[in-house]
Amino acid sequence: MVATLSVTDPDTNDSHRFILDGADADLFEVVGTQILVRGGAALDFETRSTLQLTVTVADAADNRSTEPLAVTLRDVAEASVLTATAEFGITENSPAGTVVGRFSAEDQDRGDEIAFSLSGPDALLFELTDTGEIRLRPGAELDYEAGPTRTFTITATDNTGLTDSETLTVQLVDENDVTPELSIDTLNVVAENSNAGTEVATFSVSDPDTNDAHDYALSGPDAALFALDGERIVVAAGAELDFEAGATRSIVLTATDAAGHATSETITVQLADLND
């Protein structure tokens, strides 16, 4: 309620109606004998601390009387309005000081001071600067393989304790920084004099780097006796595997990713003797 109205009228049993005019009349309405703030109206002390109305009462014969009314607003504490954004696409393993976001806040309350803080699951990775930047903290590691995003909440608090918060998610960009892992899945005993294409072993590679490509190569003392067929090692065309010349053959299988990270496995192929 803004004000209560009353009317004195020497005419007995007269009726009355109230009319609001003035610069700020649209913000108010009369209900019965009370002036109320109209639904949806915004009264903002910081915009204007005093609002001006003219109240007119008219009787049944349209005789009128008018009074000015000044509505004085009382200032109340309002929370700061925080704006925060995250940079898109931060490369994993970025150095300390890398800017991952920016922030600012406005407070309509005169003289309010604003303090900023970080919280949330990954808050310890970051720090705030006086210039409104969110930076990677010294010693913090952004490892894509541990997760493609980092999430934290920034909060603005004014000196009355009112707050506004924004939760930000930093998207990481994968860097080819991990050596692939090579596994020998099957290794067969190979009969001497086996035909070209006979399967000797199968292998697989796991690599946490997304969409990585891999090249494979054979080396070692007996590499010429064998060939690669996809992720299979087979007997090479024209190779002679003679048990009497030795019961084993040794080769080295190497997998190399697109960044040049390589891993190797030494394979000892056991030959089976035939009555030849």
C-alpha atoms as a PDB file:
ATOM      1  CA  MET A   1       0.000   0.000   0.000  1.00  0.00           C
ATOM      2  CA  VAL A   2       1.237   3.480  -0.913  1.00  0.00           C
ATOM      3  CA  ALA A   3      -1.455   5.737   0.576  1.00  0.00           C
ATOM      4  CA  THR A   4      -4.974   5.755   2.004  1.00  0.00           C
ATOM      5  CA  LEU A   5      -7.534   8.234   0.667  1.00  0.00           C
ATOM      6  CA  SER A   6     -10.452   9.824   2.484  1.00  0.00           C
ATOM      7  CA  VAL A   7     -13.122  12.293   1.322  1.00  0.00           C
ATOM      8  CA  THR A   8     -15.373  14.715   3.158  1.00  0.00           C
ATOM      9  CA  ASP A   9     -18.470  15.850   1.298  1.00  0.00           C
ATOM     10  CA  PRO A  10     -21.372  17.900   2.791  1.00  0.00           C
ATOM     11  CA  ASP A  11     -23.707  16.393   0.207  1.00  0.00           C
ATOM     12  CA  THR A  12     -25.378  13.449   1.845  1.00  0.00           C
ATOM     13  CA  ASN A  13     -25.166  10.016   0.257  1.00  0.00           C
ATOM     14  CA  ASP A  14     -22.856  11.285  -2.509  1.00  0.00           C
ATOM     15  CA  SER A  15     -20.599   8.823  -4.391  1.00  0.00           C
ATOM     16  CA  HIS A  16     -16.986   9.394  -5.298  1.00  0.00           C
ATOM     17  CA  ARG A  17     -14.375   8.095  -7.666  1.00  0.00           C
ATOM     18  CA  PHE A  18     -10.611   8.643  -7.673  1.00  0.00           C
ATOM     19  CA  ILE A  19      -8.432   9.472 -10.653  1.00  0.00           C
ATOM     20  CA  LEU A  20      -4.630   9.283 -10.798  1.00  0.00           C
ATOM     21  CA  ASP A  21      -2.656  11.570 -13.106  1.00  0.00           C
ATOM     22  CA  GLY A  22       0.890  12.796 -13.324  1.00  0.00           C
ATOM     23  CA  ALA A  23       4.251  11.595 -14.647  1.00  0.00           C
ATOM     24  CA  ASP A  24       4.244   8.363 -12.673  1.00  0.00           C
ATOM     25  CA  ALA A  25       0.519   7.566 -12.580  1.00  0.00           C
ATOM     26  CA  ASP A  26       0.953   4.406 -14.685  1.00  0.00           C
ATOM     27  CA  LEU A  27       2.894   2.803 -11.831  1.00  0.00           C
ATOM     28  CA  PHE A  28      -0.042   2.930  -9.432  1.00  0.00           C
ATOM     29  CA  GLU A  29      -3.748   2.137  -9.175  1.00  0.00           C
ATOM     30  CA  VAL A  30      -6.589   2.919  -6.798  1.00  0.00           C
ATOM     31  CA  VAL A  31      -8.367   0.012  -5.149  1.00  0.00           C
ATOM     32  CA  GLY A  32     -11.196   1.164  -2.912  1.00  0.00           C
ATOM     33  CA  THR A  33      -9.638   3.993  -0.947  1.00  0.00           C
ATOM     34  CA  GLN A  34      -6.060   2.780  -1.213  1.00  0.00           C
ATOM     35  CA  ILE A  35      -3.326   3.643  -3.693  1.00  0.00           C
ATOM     36  CA  LEU A  36      -1.371   0.502  -4.538  1.00  0.00           C
ATOM     37  CA  VAL A  37       1.597  -0.307  -6.758  1.00  0.00           C
ATOM     38  CA  ARG A  38       0.229  -1.607 -10.038  1.00  0.00           C
ATOM     39  CA  GLY A  39       1.033  -5.238 -10.867  1.00  0.00           C
ATOM     40  CA  GLY A  40       4.212  -5.506 -12.964  1.00  0.00           C
ATOM     41  CA  ALA A  41       5.373  -1.969 -12.135  1.00  0.00           C
ATOM     42  CA  ALA A  42       9.047  -1.529 -11.263  1.00  0.00           C
ATOM     43  CA  LEU A  43       9.958   1.041  -8.627  1.00  0.00           C
ATOM     44  CA  ASP A  44      13.693   1.695  -8.857  1.00  0.00           C
ATOM     45  CA  PHE A  45      15.259   3.937  -6.235  1.00  0.00           C
ATOM     46  CA  GLU A  46      18.455   4.258  -8.274  1.00  0.00           C
ATOM     47  CA  THR A  47      16.503   5.662 -11.235  1.00  0.00           C
ATOM     48  CA  ARG A  48      14.323   8.081  -9.248  1.00  0.00           C
ATOM     49  CA  SER A  49      13.912   8.254  -5.513  1.00  0.00           C
ATOM     50  CA  THR A  50      10.680  10.323  -5.621  1.00  0.00           C
ATOM     51  CA  LEU A  51       7.629   9.741  -7.836  1.00  0.00           C
ATOM     52  CA  GLN A  52       4.983  12.350  -8.575  1.00  0.00           C
ATOM     53  CA  LEU A  53       1.207  11.807  -8.698  1.00  0.00           C
ATOM     54  CA  THR A  54      -1.909  13.921  -8.856  1.00  0.00           C
ATOM     55  CA  VAL A  55      -4.936  12.477  -7.050  1.00  0.00           C
ATOM     56  CA  THR A  56      -8.355  13.735  -8.123  1.00  0.00           C
ATOM     57  CA  VAL A  57     -11.672  12.893  -6.478  1.00  0.00           C
ATOM     58  CA  ALA A  58     -14.912  13.407  -8.413  1.00  0.00           C
ATOM     59  CA  ASP A  59     -18.420  13.139  -7.004  1.00  0.00           C
ATOM     60  CA  ALA A  60     -21.568  12.020  -8.776  1.00  0.00           C
ATOM     61  CA  ALA A  61     -22.046  15.518 -10.269  1.00  0.00           C
ATOM     62  CA  ASP A  62     -18.404  15.494 -11.436  1.00  0.00           C
ATOM     63  CA  ASN A  63     -17.400  18.142  -8.960  1.00  0.00           C
ATOM     64  CA  ARG A  64     -13.666  17.643  -8.530  1.00  0.00           C
ATOM     65  CA  SER A  65     -10.900  18.266  -6.051  1.00  0.00           C
ATOM     66  CA  THR A  66      -7.217  17.610  -6.757  1.00  0.00           C
ATOM     67  CA  GLU A  67      -4.179  17.089  -4.531  1.00  0.00           C
ATOM     68  CA  PRO A  68      -0.543  16.464  -5.486  1.00  0.00           C
ATOM     69  CA  LEU A  69       1.116  13.394  -3.967  1.00  0.00           C
ATOM     70  CA  ALA A  70       4.853  12.746  -3.813  1.00  0.00           C
ATOM     71  CA  VAL A  71       5.778   9.073  -3.270  1.00  0.00           C
ATOM     72  CA  THR A  72       9.205   8.727  -1.672  1.00  0.00           C
ATOM     73  CA  LEU A  73      10.974   5.422  -2.312  1.00  0.00           C
ATOM     74  CA  ARG A  74      13.109   3.716   0.309  1.00  0.00           C
ATOM     75  CA  ASP A  75      16.375   2.259  -0.941  1.00  0.00           C
ATOM     76  CA  VAL A  76      16.882  -1.471  -0.342  1.00  0.00           C
ATOM     77  CA  ALA A  77      20.021  -3.495  -0.944  1.00  0.00           C
ATOM     78  CA  GLU A  78      20.076  -5.280  -4.284  1.00  0.00           C
ATOM     79  CA  ALA A  79      22.416  -8.048  -5.408  1.00  0.00           C
ATOM     80  CA  SER A  80      25.151  -7.306  -7.899  1.00  0.00           C
ATOM     81  CA  VAL A  81      24.534  -8.411 -11.471  1.00  0.00           C
ATOM     82  CA  LEU A  82      27.360 -10.736 -12.540  1.00  0.00           C
ATOM     83  CA  THR A  83      28.389 -11.353 -16.133  1.00  0.00           C
ATOM     84  CA  ALA A  84      30.842 -14.201 -16.777  1.00  0.00           C
ATOM     85  CA  THR A  85      31.891 -16.020 -19.935  1.00  0.00           C
ATOM     86  CA  ALA A  86      34.246 -18.898 -20.664  1.00  0.00           C
ATOM     87  CA  GLU A  87      36.681 -18.987 -23.556  1.00  0.00           C
ATOM     88  CA  PHE A  88      35.870 -21.835 -25.944  1.00  0.00           C
ATOM     89  CA  GLY A  89      38.538 -24.385 -26.780  1.00  0.00           C
ATOM     90  CA  ILE A  90      41.403 -24.291 -24.266  1.00  0.00           C
ATOM     91  CA  THR A  91      44.212 -26.626 -25.330  1.00  0.00           C
ATOM     92  CA  GLU A  92      45.077 -29.236 -22.731  1.00  0.00           C
ATOM     93  CA  ASN A  93      48.435 -28.747 -20.983  1.00  0.00           C
ATOM     94  CA  SER A  94      48.167 -24.960 -21.447  1.00  0.00           C
ATOM     95  CA  PRO A  95      50.622 -22.992 -19.295  1.00  0.00           C
ATOM     96  CA  ALA A  96      49.833 -21.131 -16.089  1.00  0.00           C
ATOM     97  CA  GLY A  97      48.296 -17.740 -16.752  1.00  0.00           C
ATOM     98  CA  THR A  98      46.263 -18.877 -19.759  1.00  0.00           C
ATOM     99  CA  VAL A  99      42.999 -16.902 -19.817  1.00  0.00           C
ATOM    100  CA  VAL A 100      40.012 -19.261 -19.694  1.00  0.00           C
ATOM    101  CA  GLY A 101      37.244 -16.730 -19.043  1.00  0.00           C
ATOM    102  CA  ARG A 102      36.266 -13.180 -18.161  1.00  0.00           C
ATOM    103  CA  PHE A 103      33.932 -11.617 -15.592  1.00  0.00           C
ATOM    104  CA  SER A 104      32.461  -8.313 -14.441  1.00  0.00           C
ATOM    105  CA  ALA A 105      29.697  -7.146 -12.129  1.00  0.00           C
ATOM    106  CA  GLU A 106      27.529  -4.076 -11.639  1.00  0.00           C
ATOM    107  CA  ASP A 107      25.822  -3.016  -8.416  1.00  0.00           C
ATOM    108  CA  GLN A 108      23.149  -0.321  -8.368  1.00  0.00           C
ATOM    109  CA  ASP A 109      23.565   0.323  -4.664  1.00  0.00           C
ATOM    110  CA  ARG A 110      25.746   3.361  -4.120  1.00  0.00           C
ATOM    111  CA  GLY A 111      29.038   2.650  -2.381  1.00  0.00           C
ATOM    112  CA  ASP A 112      28.743  -1.131  -2.519  1.00  0.00           C
ATOM    113  CA  GLU A 113      31.964  -3.076  -2.845  1.00  0.00           C
ATOM    114  CA  ILE A 114      31.959  -6.393  -4.705  1.00  0.00           C
ATOM    115  CA  ALA A 115      34.087  -9.431  -3.837  1.00  0.00           C
ATOM    116  CA  PHE A 116      34.524 -12.344  -6.249  1.00  0.00           C
ATOM    117  CA  SER A 117      35.177 -15.991  -5.443  1.00  0.00           C
ATOM    118  CA  LEU A 118      35.430 -19.372  -7.151  1.00  0.00           C
ATOM    119  CA  SER A 119      33.862 -22.652  -6.060  1.00  0.00           C
ATOM    120  CA  GLY A 120      32.858 -25.964  -7.581  1.00  0.00           C
ATOM    121  CA  PRO A 121      34.599 -29.179  -8.583  1.00  0.00           C
ATOM    122  CA  ASP A 122      37.451 -27.610 -10.559  1.00  0.00           C
ATOM    123  CA  ALA A 123      37.779 -24.228  -8.831  1.00  0.00           C
ATOM    124  CA  LEU A 124      41.304 -24.943  -7.537  1.00  0.00           C
ATOM    125  CA  LEU A 125      42.614 -25.007 -11.104  1.00  0.00           C
ATOM    126  CA  PHE A 126      41.834 -21.331 -11.661  1.00  0.00           C
ATOM    127  CA  GLU A 127      42.329 -17.877 -10.166  1.00  0.00           C
ATOM    128  CA  LEU A 128      40.736 -14.441 -10.594  1.00  0.00           C
ATOM    129  CA  THR A 129      42.552 -11.231 -11.506  1.00  0.00           C
ATOM    130  CA  ASP A 130      41.733  -7.621 -10.684  1.00  0.00           C
ATOM    131  CA  THR A 131      41.293  -6.978 -14.409  1.00  0.00           C
ATOM    132  CA  GLY A 132      38.356  -9.384 -14.734  1.00  0.00           C
ATOM    133  CA  GLU A 133      40.189 -12.407 -16.149  1.00  0.00           C
ATOM    134  CA  ILE A 134      39.902 -16.034 -15.074  1.00  0.00           C
ATOM    135  CA  ARG A 135      43.313 -17.645 -15.483  1.00  0.00           C
ATOM    136  CA  LEU A 136      44.884 -21.054 -15.118  1.00  0.00           C
ATOM    137  CA  ARG A 137      46.597 -21.217 -11.728  1.00  0.00           C
ATOM    138  CA  PRO A 138      50.328 -22.044 -11.468  1.00  0.00           C
ATOM    139  CA  GLY A 139      50.778 -25.785 -11.007  1.00  0.00           C
ATOM    140  CA  ALA A 140      47.335 -26.630 -12.393  1.00  0.00           C
ATOM    141  CA  GLU A 141      47.128 -29.301 -15.101  1.00  0.00           C
ATOM    142  CA  LEU A 142      44.484 -29.493 -17.799  1.00  0.00           C
ATOM    143  CA  ASP A 143      44.579 -33.095 -19.017  1.00  0.00           C
ATOM    144  CA  TYR A 144      42.008 -33.879 -21.691  1.00  0.00           C
ATOM    145  CA  GLU A 145      42.363 -37.595 -21.045  1.00  0.00           C
ATOM    146  CA  ALA A 146      41.104 -36.988 -17.480  1.00  0.00           C
ATOM    147  CA  GLY A 147      37.974 -35.323 -18.900  1.00  0.00           C
ATOM    148  CA  PRO A 148      37.085 -32.979 -21.786  1.00  0.00           C
ATOM    149  CA  THR A 149      35.614 -30.188 -19.603  1.00  0.00           C
ATOM    150  CA  ARG A 150      36.285 -28.335 -16.373  1.00  0.00           C
ATOM    151  CA  THR A 151      33.445 -26.702 -14.405  1.00  0.00           C
ATOM    152  CA  PHE A 152      33.452 -24.036 -11.711  1.00  0.00           C
ATOM    153  CA  THR A 153      31.178 -21.345 -10.271  1.00  0.00           C
ATOM    154  CA  ILE A 154      32.088 -17.669  -9.909  1.00  0.00           C
ATOM    155  CA  THR A 155      30.188 -15.653  -7.290  1.00  0.00           C
ATOM    156  CA  ALA A 156      29.918 -11.896  -6.800  1.00  0.00           C
ATOM    157  CA  THR A 157      29.121 -10.840  -3.205  1.00  0.00           C
ATOM    158  CA  ASP A 158      28.361  -7.261  -2.166  1.00  0.00           C
ATOM    159  CA  ASN A 159      29.044  -5.866   1.290  1.00  0.00           C
ATOM    160  CA  THR A 160      25.497  -6.658   2.443  1.00  0.00           C
ATOM    161  CA  GLY A 161      26.033 -10.351   1.678  1.00  0.00           C
ATOM    162  CA  LEU A 162      23.815 -10.486  -1.406  1.00  0.00           C
ATOM    163  CA  THR A 163      25.201 -12.665  -4.196  1.00  0.00           C
ATOM    164  CA  ASP A 164      24.908 -13.474  -7.869  1.00  0.00           C
ATOM    165  CA  SER A 165      26.583 -16.536  -9.404  1.00  0.00           C
ATOM    166  CA  GLU A 166      27.408 -18.024 -12.794  1.00  0.00           C
ATOM    167  CA  THR A 167      28.553 -21.583 -13.482  1.00  0.00           C
ATOM    168  CA  LEU A 168      31.053 -21.854 -16.331  1.00  0.00           C
ATOM    169  CA  THR A 169      32.260 -24.866 -18.281  1.00  0.00           C
ATOM    170  CA  VAL A 170      35.659 -24.745 -19.979  1.00  0.00           C
ATOM    171  CA  GLN A 171      35.884 -26.978 -23.059  1.00  0.00           C
ATOM    172  CA  LEU A 172      39.322 -28.545 -23.530  1.00  0.00           C
ATOM    173  CA  VAL A 173      40.934 -29.305 -26.878  1.00  0.00           C
ATOM    174  CA  ASP A 174      42.728 -32.641 -27.082  1.00  0.00           C
ATOM    175  CA  GLU A 175      46.445 -32.550 -27.808  1.00  0.00           C
ATOM    176  CA  ASN A 176      48.317 -35.566 -29.156  1.00  0.00           C
ATOM    177  CA  ASP A 177      50.441 -36.042 -26.061  1.00  0.00           C
ATOM    178  CA  VAL A 178      50.094 -39.700 -25.055  1.00  0.00           C
ATOM    179  CA  THR A 179      52.120 -42.640 -26.351  1.00  0.00           C
ATOM    180  CA  PRO A 180      49.851 -45.424 -27.625  1.00  0.00           C
ATOM    181  CA  GLU A 181      49.789 -48.793 -25.900  1.00  0.00           C
ATOM    182  CA  LEU A 182      50.573 -51.850 -28.031  1.00  0.00           C
ATOM    183  CA  SER A 183      49.200 -55.284 -27.138  1.00  0.00           C
ATOM    184  CA  ILE A 184      50.013 -58.661 -28.703  1.00  0.00           C
ATOM    185  CA  ASP A 185      46.635 -60.357 -28.644  1.00  0.00           C
ATOM    186  CA  THR A 186      47.526 -63.779 -30.107  1.00  0.00           C
ATOM    187  CA  LEU A 187      50.859 -65.452 -30.872  1.00  0.00           C
ATOM    188  CA  ASN A 188      50.851 -68.727 -32.737  1.00  0.00           C
ATOM    189  CA  VAL A 189      53.389 -71.519 -32.957  1.00  0.00           C
ATOM    190  CA  VAL A 190      54.239 -71.586 -36.659  1.00  0.00           C
ATOM    191  CA  ALA A 191      55.117 -74.757 -38.511  1.00  0.00           C
ATOM    192  CA  GLU A 192      58.390 -74.578 -40.391  1.00  0.00           C
ATOM    193  CA  ASN A 193      58.043 -74.056 -44.126  1.00  0.00           C
ATOM    194  CA  SER A 194      54.607 -72.409 -43.658  1.00  0.00           C
ATOM    195  CA  ASN A 195      53.099 -70.707 -46.690  1.00  0.00           C
ATOM    196  CA  ALA A 196      53.119 -66.982 -47.234  1.00  0.00           C
ATOM    197  CA  GLY A 197      50.180 -65.343 -45.441  1.00  0.00           C
ATOM    198  CA  THR A 198      50.150 -67.816 -42.550  1.00  0.00           C
ATOM    199  CA  GLU A 199      49.069 -65.920 -39.460  1.00  0.00           C
ATOM    200  CA  VAL A 200      51.799 -65.530 -36.876  1.00  0.00           C
ATOM    201  CA  ALA A 201      50.265 -63.019 -34.451  1.00  0.00           C
ATOM    202  CA  THR A 202      47.539 -60.433 -34.029  1.00  0.00           C
ATOM    203  CA  PHE A 203      47.877 -57.118 -32.197  1.00  0.00           C
ATOM    204  CA  SER A 204      45.906 -54.028 -31.193  1.00  0.00           C
ATOM    205  CA  VAL A 205      46.616 -50.466 -30.121  1.00  0.00           C
ATOM    206  CA  SER A 206      44.845 -48.325 -27.539  1.00  0.00           C
ATOM    207  CA  ASP A 207      45.326 -44.558 -27.533  1.00  0.00           C
ATOM    208  CA  PRO A 208      43.488 -42.070 -25.292  1.00  0.00           C
ATOM    209  CA  ASP A 209      44.168 -39.275 -27.807  1.00  0.00           C
ATOM    210  CA  THR A 210      40.990 -38.820 -29.824  1.00  0.00           C
ATOM    211  CA  ASN A 211      41.007 -39.628 -33.552  1.00  0.00           C
ATOM    212  CA  ASP A 212      44.691 -40.519 -33.549  1.00  0.00           C
ATOM    213  CA  ALA A 213      46.225 -42.418 -36.470  1.00  0.00           C
ATOM    214  CA  HIS A 214      48.882 -45.122 -36.199  1.00  0.00           C
ATOM    215  CA  ASP A 215      51.558 -46.600 -38.431  1.00  0.00           C
ATOM    216  CA  TYR A 216      53.054 -50.051 -37.864  1.00  0.00           C
ATOM    217  CA  ALA A 217      56.488 -51.394 -38.765  1.00  0.00           C
ATOM    218  CA  LEU A 218      58.541 -54.539 -38.290  1.00  0.00           C
ATOM    219  CA  SER A 219      62.245 -54.544 -37.488  1.00  0.00           C
ATOM    220  CA  GLY A 220      64.795 -56.827 -35.905  1.00  0.00           C
ATOM    221  CA  PRO A 221      67.014 -59.677 -37.129  1.00  0.00           C
ATOM    222  CA  ASP A 222      64.233 -61.687 -38.742  1.00  0.00           C
ATOM    223  CA  ALA A 223      61.873 -58.900 -39.857  1.00  0.00           C
ATOM    224  CA  ALA A 224      62.282 -59.750 -43.566  1.00  0.00           C
ATOM    225  CA  LEU A 225      60.606 -63.134 -42.973  1.00  0.00           C
ATOM    226  CA  PHE A 226      57.328 -61.540 -41.934  1.00  0.00           C
ATOM    227  CA  ALA A 227      54.813 -58.970 -43.197  1.00  0.00           C
ATOM    228  CA  LEU A 228      51.984 -56.850 -41.846  1.00  0.00           C
ATOM    229  CA  ASP A 229      48.390 -57.378 -42.910  1.00  0.00           C
ATOM    230  CA  GLY A 230      46.263 -54.834 -41.049  1.00  0.00           C
ATOM    231  CA  GLU A 231      46.682 -55.740 -37.405  1.00  0.00           C
ATOM    232  CA  ARG A 232      48.064 -59.182 -38.237  1.00  0.00           C
ATOM    233  CA  ILE A 233      51.641 -60.403 -38.621  1.00  0.00           C
ATOM    234  CA  VAL A 234      51.927 -63.066 -41.311  1.00  0.00           C
ATOM    235  CA  VAL A 235      54.634 -65.063 -43.042  1.00  0.00           C
ATOM    236  CA  ALA A 236      56.104 -62.942 -45.860  1.00  0.00           C
ATOM    237  CA  ALA A 237      56.090 -64.026 -49.487  1.00  0.00           C
ATOM    238  CA  GLY A 238      59.239 -66.002 -50.313  1.00  0.00           C
ATOM    239  CA  ALA A 239      60.194 -66.444 -46.644  1.00  0.00           C
ATOM    240  CA  GLU A 240      61.775 -69.742 -45.568  1.00  0.00           C
ATOM    241  CA  LEU A 241      61.170 -70.806 -42.008  1.00  0.00           C
ATOM    242  CA  ASP A 242      63.569 -73.690 -41.423  1.00  0.00           C
ATOM    243  CA  PHE A 243      63.415 -75.194 -37.952  1.00  0.00           C
ATOM    244  CA  GLU A 244      66.821 -76.787 -38.422  1.00  0.00           C
ATOM    245  CA  ALA A 245      68.294 -73.285 -38.858  1.00  0.00           C
ATOM    246  CA  GLY A 246      66.829 -72.233 -35.513  1.00  0.00           C
ATOM    247  CA  ALA A 247      63.747 -72.947 -33.400  1.00  0.00           C
ATOM    248  CA  THR A 248      62.766 -69.300 -32.995  1.00  0.00           C
ATOM    249  CA  ARG A 249      62.649 -66.072 -34.948  1.00  0.00           C
ATOM    250  CA  SER A 250      62.767 -62.627 -33.347  1.00  0.00           C
ATOM    251  CA  ILE A 251      61.036 -59.482 -34.594  1.00  0.00           C
ATOM    252  CA  VAL A 252      60.162 -56.073 -33.175  1.00  0.00           C
ATOM    253  CA  LEU A 253      56.723 -54.563 -33.824  1.00  0.00           C
ATOM    254  CA  THR A 254      56.496 -50.756 -33.501  1.00  0.00           C
ATOM    255  CA  ALA A 255      53.351 -48.589 -33.435  1.00  0.00           C
ATOM    256  CA  THR A 256      53.778 -44.842 -34.057  1.00  0.00           C
ATOM    257  CA  ASP A 257      51.027 -42.230 -33.720  1.00  0.00           C
ATOM    258  CA  ALA A 258      50.554 -39.052 -35.755  1.00  0.00           C
ATOM    259  CA  ALA A 259      52.694 -37.019 -33.347  1.00  0.00           C
ATOM    260  CA  GLY A 260      55.604 -39.457 -33.559  1.00  0.00           C
ATOM    261  CA  HIS A 261      55.031 -41.142 -30.206  1.00  0.00           C
ATOM    262  CA  ALA A 262      56.154 -44.742 -30.612  1.00  0.00           C
ATOM    263  CA  THR A 263      55.921 -47.951 -28.637  1.00  0.00           C
ATOM    264  CA  SER A 264      57.419 -51.335 -29.453  1.00  0.00           C
ATOM    265  CA  GLU A 265      57.072 -54.982 -28.533  1.00  0.00           C
ATOM    266  CA  THR A 266      59.673 -57.702 -29.149  1.00  0.00           C
ATOM    267  CA  ILE A 267      58.058 -60.905 -30.402  1.00  0.00           C
ATOM    268  CA  THR A 268      59.692 -64.323 -30.329  1.00  0.00           C
ATOM    269  CA  VAL A 269      58.080 -66.633 -32.887  1.00  0.00           C
ATOM    270  CA  GLN A 270      58.254 -70.319 -31.982  1.00  0.00           C
ATOM    271  CA  LEU A 271      58.649 -72.732 -34.915  1.00  0.00           C
ATOM    272  CA  ALA A 272      57.284 -76.252 -34.966  1.00  0.00           C
ATOM    273  CA  ASP A 273      59.579 -78.955 -36.431  1.00  0.00           C
ATOM    274  CA  LEU A 274      58.233 -81.020 -39.314  1.00  0.00           C
ATOM    275  CA  ASN A 275      59.615 -84.298 -40.546  1.00  0.00           C
ATOM    276  CA  ASP A 276      61.161 -82.868 -43.702  1.00  0.00           C
END
